[in-house]
Protein backbone atom coordinates (compact mmCIF):
# COMPACT_ATOMS: atom_id res chain seq x y z
CA MET A 1 65.33 25.22 154.02
CA GLU A 2 67.51 28.37 154.33
CA ASN A 3 68.64 27.33 157.84
CA ILE A 4 69.85 23.86 156.90
CA LYS A 5 73.61 23.58 157.17
CA ARG A 6 75.32 23.02 153.83
CA THR A 7 79.02 22.35 153.44
CA GLU A 8 80.33 22.46 149.88
CA ILE A 9 82.27 19.32 148.98
CA ALA A 10 85.01 21.43 147.42
CA THR A 11 85.92 22.77 150.88
CA LEU A 12 87.09 19.27 151.88
CA GLY A 13 88.53 17.93 148.64
CA GLU A 14 88.43 14.28 147.57
CA PHE A 15 90.68 12.84 150.28
CA GLY A 16 89.29 15.09 152.96
CA LEU A 17 85.76 14.01 152.01
CA ILE A 18 86.64 10.31 152.22
CA LYS A 19 88.36 10.81 155.58
CA HIS A 20 85.35 12.79 156.86
CA LEU A 21 82.76 10.20 155.77
CA THR A 22 84.70 7.15 156.97
CA ARG A 23 86.22 8.45 160.19
CA ASP A 24 83.98 6.35 162.46
CA ILE A 25 84.16 3.05 160.57
CA ARG A 26 85.28 0.05 162.65
CA HIS A 27 85.97 -3.41 161.24
CA LYS A 28 83.90 -6.44 162.29
CA ASN A 29 85.51 -9.34 160.39
CA PRO A 30 88.90 -10.98 161.05
CA SER A 31 89.30 -11.39 157.27
CA THR A 32 89.58 -7.59 156.99
CA HIS A 33 93.33 -7.21 157.42
CA LYS A 34 93.59 -3.65 156.09
CA GLY A 35 90.72 -1.38 155.08
CA ILE A 36 90.40 2.25 154.03
CA GLY A 37 93.56 4.36 153.93
CA ASP A 38 95.93 2.66 151.50
CA ASP A 39 96.09 1.91 147.76
CA ALA A 40 94.12 -1.30 148.25
CA ALA A 41 92.29 -3.21 150.94
CA VAL A 42 93.93 -6.38 152.22
CA LEU A 43 91.77 -9.41 152.99
CA GLN A 44 92.93 -12.63 154.59
CA TYR A 45 91.00 -15.86 153.99
CA ASP A 46 91.78 -19.41 155.07
CA HIS A 47 89.92 -22.47 153.78
CA LYS A 48 87.15 -20.33 152.27
CA GLN A 49 86.00 -19.53 148.75
CA VAL A 50 85.80 -15.81 147.97
CA LEU A 51 82.62 -14.37 146.38
CA VAL A 52 82.58 -11.03 144.58
CA THR A 53 79.58 -9.13 143.21
CA THR A 54 79.10 -5.59 141.96
CA ASP A 55 76.18 -3.26 141.24
CA LEU A 56 75.91 0.06 139.42
CA LEU A 57 73.05 2.42 140.33
CA LEU A 58 72.44 5.58 138.30
CA GLU A 59 70.20 8.50 139.18
CA GLY A 60 67.29 8.73 136.77
CA ILE A 61 67.62 5.07 135.79
CA HIS A 62 67.63 3.09 139.05
CA PHE A 63 66.37 5.69 141.52
CA ASP A 64 64.59 9.03 141.66
CA LEU A 65 65.66 11.42 144.42
CA THR A 66 62.29 13.16 144.23
CA TYR A 67 60.97 10.46 146.55
CA VAL A 68 63.98 8.35 147.59
CA PRO A 69 65.65 9.68 150.80
CA LEU A 70 69.44 9.54 150.61
CA LYS A 71 69.68 7.50 153.82
CA HIS A 72 67.32 4.89 152.37
CA LEU A 73 69.31 4.91 149.14
CA GLY A 74 72.54 4.20 151.01
CA TYR A 75 70.92 1.30 152.85
CA LYS A 76 69.37 -0.18 149.73
CA SER A 77 72.57 0.21 147.68
CA ALA A 78 74.40 -2.01 150.16
CA VAL A 79 71.61 -4.53 150.75
CA VAL A 80 71.10 -5.38 147.07
CA ASN A 81 74.75 -6.45 146.94
CA PHE A 82 74.49 -8.47 150.14
CA SER A 83 71.51 -10.25 148.61
CA ASP A 84 73.67 -11.48 145.71
CA ILE A 85 76.16 -13.03 148.13
CA TYR A 86 73.42 -14.76 150.14
CA ALA A 87 72.01 -16.08 146.86
CA MET A 88 75.29 -18.00 146.45
CA ASN A 89 74.82 -19.45 149.96
CA GLY A 90 77.64 -17.23 151.17
CA GLN A 91 78.16 -14.51 153.76
CA PRO A 92 78.99 -10.89 152.79
CA LYS A 93 82.04 -9.57 154.61
CA GLN A 94 83.43 -6.44 152.92
CA LEU A 95 82.33 -3.83 150.40
CA THR A 96 83.85 -0.99 148.42
CA LEU A 97 81.91 2.09 147.37
CA SER A 98 82.55 4.44 144.46
CA LEU A 99 80.48 7.60 143.95
CA GLY A 100 80.04 10.00 141.08
CA ILE A 101 78.78 13.26 142.64
CA SER A 102 77.34 16.36 140.97
CA LYS A 103 77.71 19.85 142.44
CA ARG A 104 74.15 19.96 143.72
CA PHE A 105 75.08 17.57 146.56
CA SER A 106 76.56 18.85 149.81
CA VAL A 107 78.69 17.12 152.43
CA GLU A 108 75.55 16.79 154.58
CA ASP A 109 73.78 14.98 151.72
CA LEU A 110 76.58 12.45 151.51
CA GLU A 111 76.59 12.05 155.28
CA GLU A 112 72.96 10.92 154.97
CA PHE A 113 73.86 8.44 152.24
CA TYR A 114 76.78 7.08 154.26
CA ALA A 115 74.59 6.81 157.37
CA GLY A 116 72.25 4.48 155.51
CA LEU A 117 75.12 2.52 154.00
CA GLN A 118 76.83 2.11 157.36
CA LEU A 119 73.55 1.09 159.01
CA ALA A 120 73.23 -1.71 156.47
CA CYS A 121 76.83 -2.74 157.13
CA ASP A 122 76.16 -2.84 160.87
CA VAL A 123 72.93 -4.84 160.49
CA TYR A 124 74.56 -7.43 158.22
CA GLY A 125 78.04 -7.47 159.75
CA VAL A 126 79.93 -6.13 156.73
CA ASP A 127 83.04 -3.91 156.62
CA LEU A 128 83.38 -0.90 154.30
CA VAL A 129 87.01 -1.20 153.18
CA GLY A 130 87.53 1.26 150.33
CA GLY A 131 86.28 2.95 147.18
CA ASP A 132 86.58 6.09 145.10
CA THR A 133 84.86 9.41 144.40
CA SER A 134 84.61 11.52 141.27
CA ALA A 135 82.75 14.52 139.92
CA SER A 136 79.66 13.73 137.84
CA LEU A 137 77.86 15.84 135.25
CA THR A 138 74.73 13.64 135.21
CA GLY A 139 73.68 13.30 138.83
CA LEU A 140 74.52 10.68 141.42
CA ALA A 141 76.21 7.43 140.33
CA ILE A 142 76.80 4.60 142.82
CA SER A 143 79.02 1.59 142.26
CA ILE A 144 79.38 -1.00 145.01
CA THR A 145 81.45 -4.16 145.04
CA CYS A 146 80.76 -6.69 147.78
CA ILE A 147 83.15 -9.43 148.80
CA GLY A 148 81.89 -12.49 150.62
CA GLU A 149 82.97 -15.93 151.63
CA GLY A 150 81.51 -19.40 151.40
CA ASP A 151 82.49 -22.84 152.58
CA THR A 152 84.10 -25.03 149.95
CA GLY A 153 81.49 -27.44 148.61
CA LYS A 154 78.56 -25.35 149.83
CA ILE A 155 78.48 -22.55 147.26
CA VAL A 156 75.19 -22.73 145.34
CA TYR A 157 75.01 -21.81 141.66
CA ARG A 158 72.18 -21.33 139.19
CA ASP A 159 72.94 -24.44 137.16
CA GLY A 160 72.35 -27.25 139.67
CA ALA A 161 68.58 -27.79 139.50
CA LYS A 162 67.52 -31.36 138.74
CA GLU A 163 64.30 -32.89 137.45
CA ASN A 164 61.73 -33.34 140.26
CA ASP A 165 63.46 -30.80 142.53
CA LEU A 166 61.05 -28.57 144.43
CA ILE A 167 60.95 -24.87 143.55
CA CYS A 168 60.89 -22.75 146.71
CA VAL A 169 60.68 -19.04 147.44
CA SER A 170 61.00 -16.85 150.50
CA GLY A 171 58.68 -13.97 151.36
CA ASP A 172 56.15 -12.51 148.94
CA PHE A 173 56.22 -10.90 145.51
CA GLY A 174 55.08 -7.77 143.74
CA ALA A 175 55.13 -5.45 146.77
CA ALA A 176 58.25 -3.51 145.74
CA TYR A 177 56.83 -2.96 142.27
CA MET A 178 53.55 -1.73 143.69
CA GLY A 179 55.48 0.56 146.02
CA LEU A 180 57.21 2.02 142.98
CA GLN A 181 53.89 2.55 141.19
CA LEU A 182 52.54 4.31 144.27
CA LEU A 183 55.56 6.61 144.52
CA GLU A 184 55.40 7.41 140.82
CA ARG A 185 51.69 8.23 141.07
CA GLU A 186 52.22 10.60 143.98
CA LYS A 187 55.16 12.23 142.18
CA LYS A 188 52.85 13.07 139.27
CA VAL A 189 50.30 14.57 141.66
CA PHE A 190 52.98 16.60 143.42
CA THR A 191 53.12 20.17 142.08
CA GLY A 192 55.82 21.63 144.27
CA ASP A 193 53.35 22.75 146.93
CA LYS A 194 55.13 22.58 150.30
CA ASP A 195 51.85 21.54 151.94
CA PHE A 196 51.38 18.54 149.63
CA GLN A 197 50.78 15.32 151.57
CA PRO A 198 51.13 12.07 149.60
CA ALA A 199 48.43 9.42 150.05
CA PHE A 200 50.48 6.62 151.63
CA GLU A 201 48.17 5.56 154.46
CA GLY A 202 47.76 1.79 154.68
CA ARG A 203 50.49 1.23 152.10
CA GLU A 204 53.52 1.38 154.39
CA TYR A 205 54.61 -2.19 153.63
CA LEU A 206 54.77 -1.45 149.90
CA LEU A 207 56.91 1.63 150.49
CA GLU A 208 59.26 -0.27 152.79
CA ARG A 209 59.71 -3.03 150.22
CA GLN A 210 60.65 -0.46 147.57
CA LEU A 211 62.70 2.00 149.62
CA LYS A 212 64.29 -0.22 152.28
CA PRO A 213 64.45 -3.86 151.16
CA GLU A 214 66.17 -6.52 153.24
CA ALA A 215 68.43 -9.37 152.13
CA ARG A 216 67.33 -12.82 153.34
CA LYS A 217 70.20 -13.63 155.67
CA ASP A 218 67.66 -15.35 157.91
CA ILE A 219 66.66 -17.86 155.23
CA ILE A 220 70.30 -18.81 154.56
CA ALA A 221 70.76 -19.40 158.30
CA GLU A 222 67.59 -21.53 158.46
CA LEU A 223 68.61 -23.65 155.49
CA ALA A 224 71.94 -24.35 157.19
CA ARG A 225 70.20 -25.13 160.48
CA HIS A 226 67.98 -27.67 158.69
CA ASN A 227 70.99 -29.13 156.81
CA ILE A 228 69.42 -28.23 153.47
CA LEU A 229 71.80 -27.33 150.64
CA PRO A 230 69.83 -25.96 147.66
CA THR A 231 70.65 -27.40 144.26
CA ALA A 232 70.26 -23.97 142.61
CA MET A 233 69.55 -20.49 143.95
CA MET A 234 69.12 -16.84 142.89
CA ASP A 235 67.86 -13.67 144.45
CA VAL A 236 64.82 -12.12 142.78
CA SER A 237 65.89 -8.69 141.55
CA ASP A 238 64.54 -8.58 137.99
CA GLY A 239 61.34 -10.56 138.51
CA LEU A 240 60.40 -14.08 139.64
CA SER A 241 59.63 -15.24 136.11
CA SER A 242 62.94 -13.98 134.71
CA GLU A 243 65.01 -15.52 137.51
CA LEU A 244 63.25 -18.88 137.22
CA LEU A 245 63.97 -18.92 133.50
CA HIS A 246 67.65 -18.24 134.28
CA ILE A 247 67.76 -21.31 136.53
CA CYS A 248 65.98 -23.47 133.94
CA ASP A 249 68.24 -22.25 131.14
CA GLN A 250 71.48 -22.78 133.04
CA SER A 251 70.33 -26.09 134.56
CA HIS A 252 68.94 -27.33 131.21
CA THR A 253 65.53 -28.08 132.69
CA GLY A 254 61.90 -27.04 132.49
CA CYS A 255 59.58 -26.13 135.35
CA ARG A 256 56.00 -25.98 136.53
CA ILE A 257 54.87 -23.38 139.05
CA TYR A 258 51.34 -22.86 140.31
CA GLU A 259 49.56 -19.53 140.36
CA ASP A 260 47.73 -20.23 143.60
CA ARG A 261 51.01 -20.96 145.41
CA ILE A 262 52.78 -17.69 144.60
CA PRO A 263 52.77 -15.65 147.84
CA VAL A 264 51.35 -12.13 147.60
CA ASP A 265 50.76 -9.66 150.43
CA TYR A 266 47.31 -8.14 150.99
CA GLN A 267 48.58 -4.59 150.39
CA THR A 268 50.02 -5.71 147.04
CA ALA A 269 46.68 -7.20 146.01
CA ALA A 270 44.76 -4.09 147.08
CA MET A 271 47.16 -1.79 145.25
CA ALA A 272 47.00 -3.87 142.07
CA GLU A 273 43.21 -3.61 142.16
CA GLU A 274 43.42 0.14 142.70
CA PHE A 275 45.75 0.50 139.70
CA ASN A 276 43.66 -1.94 137.65
CA MET A 277 46.73 -4.15 137.19
CA ASN A 278 46.90 -7.92 136.88
CA LEU A 279 48.11 -9.12 140.28
CA ILE A 280 49.93 -12.24 139.13
CA THR A 281 51.70 -10.30 136.37
CA ALA A 282 53.01 -7.86 138.97
CA ALA A 283 54.11 -10.72 141.23
CA LEU A 284 55.92 -12.56 138.42
CA ASN A 285 57.54 -9.60 136.69
CA GLY A 286 57.67 -6.66 139.11
CA GLY A 287 61.22 -7.19 140.36
CA GLU A 288 63.21 -5.69 143.25
CA ASP A 289 61.76 -8.20 145.72
CA TYR A 290 65.22 -9.43 146.79
CA GLU A 291 63.67 -12.67 147.99
CA LEU A 292 65.40 -16.00 147.43
CA LEU A 293 64.35 -18.43 144.71
CA PHE A 294 65.87 -21.86 145.18
CA THR A 295 65.44 -25.53 144.38
CA VAL A 296 65.84 -28.46 146.74
CA PRO A 297 65.63 -32.24 146.28
CA LEU A 298 62.18 -33.77 146.68
CA ALA A 299 63.43 -35.62 149.76
CA ALA A 300 63.85 -32.26 151.55
CA HIS A 301 60.12 -31.45 151.31
CA ASP A 302 59.17 -32.21 154.91
CA GLU A 303 62.07 -30.14 156.23
CA VAL A 304 61.89 -27.13 153.92
CA ILE A 305 58.18 -26.49 154.54
CA THR A 306 58.88 -26.02 158.24
CA ILE A 307 61.11 -22.97 157.57
CA PRO A 308 59.14 -19.79 158.33
CA GLY A 309 58.59 -17.65 155.27
CA VAL A 310 59.40 -20.38 152.73
CA ARG A 311 56.82 -21.74 150.29
CA VAL A 312 57.01 -24.47 147.66
CA ILE A 313 55.55 -23.06 144.45
CA GLY A 314 56.30 -25.82 141.95
CA HIS A 315 58.82 -28.34 140.67
CA ILE A 316 61.55 -28.80 138.08
CA THR A 317 60.70 -30.83 134.98
CA SER A 318 62.49 -32.15 131.91
CA PRO A 319 63.50 -29.44 129.44
CA ALA A 320 61.12 -30.86 126.84
CA LEU A 321 58.15 -29.69 128.93
CA GLY A 322 59.24 -26.06 128.91
CA ALA A 323 58.75 -23.48 131.65
CA CYS A 324 55.10 -22.90 132.50
CA MET A 325 52.73 -21.63 135.15
CA ILE A 326 49.57 -23.58 135.94
CA THR A 327 46.72 -21.10 136.43
CA ARG A 328 43.97 -21.42 139.01
CA ASP A 329 41.69 -22.98 136.39
CA GLY A 330 44.31 -25.52 135.30
CA ALA A 331 45.56 -23.86 132.12
CA GLU A 332 49.27 -23.83 131.22
CA ILE A 333 50.87 -20.47 130.43
CA ALA A 334 54.46 -20.24 129.20
CA LEU A 335 56.67 -18.13 131.44
CA LYS A 336 58.32 -15.13 129.82
CA ALA A 337 61.20 -12.94 130.95
CA GLN A 338 59.31 -9.68 131.31
CA GLY A 339 61.20 -8.24 134.26
CA TRP A 340 62.57 -4.69 134.24
CA ASN A 341 65.55 -4.06 131.95
CA SER A 342 67.48 -0.78 132.30
CA LEU A 343 68.79 -1.08 128.72
CA SER A 344 65.35 -1.51 127.18
CA GLU A 345 64.19 1.27 124.86
CA GLU A 346 60.80 1.04 126.57
CA ASN A 347 62.23 1.90 129.97
CA ASP A 348 61.14 5.40 130.89
CA HIS A 349 61.09 5.34 134.67
CA PRO A 350 63.52 4.42 137.43
CA GLN A 351 63.23 1.23 139.41
């Protein structure tokens, strides 16, 4: 550790640090008229609707640097914002980044964070166009605003679900939550011994889902290719159950989903058994899946089931029927919003 290069941030100053970290950034989108280097970015849009989303991530609340590499954190910080834009059926184009930095971080640490952030921007075709930095007394604070665009008439909101619409999801659920449980377990075992080796074998998928999630750009492209415009859509960040209740509440509907249709990966199931956790509870409420939850008209059934990675898990009902899950033995269980809440008094670990 003594031989690792460490440059104190104070040697560069705020503007020198920004110039250093952004010196190699190149723009990819014609709508980016002016990026970093002035009082504000300038964006130029024609015949498009502009989408804006923002996320705040705080050390000790949303992430734990004991087991989260800074490069992974940079990547994830960007991707979770991209996911919000895709959930509106849009395309992310630009982002701004603001950081609160404590003195324990070096320039090299921030280079790692920026490397992950820029990798995400390159993968998803997004331009970093500005931001801010400040000193922090409480660790690392990350605020990202993402700007996207969508075609007029094709933006998808949460409030458009109709009775008899199909409820669809991409990917699988509960893996990110199980990855978090695994990391937390190994953190407790860790005693500071430099020879400590965490027991991650055979659980790589769970770790990837927690540390390096991906936004479902591919699903948005497939929906467009199949000429399917969802009636309502969200990304699953706080838990499948919570997000489905948001759609039902804002669309003034009820729903029925089926336990045996909720997709779960084998590693998730094995980890739930190892932790003696209820698998379906983890899948419904774990959060941080960043998959898409969307509804489509019943007439789109034959098309939507041909999209790789998409499953129909239920249907929209009248509001009088409420929001329920049908268990494997045919019982009805009311859905509850039990996803992770950073403001809850019961929250005592980062997610």
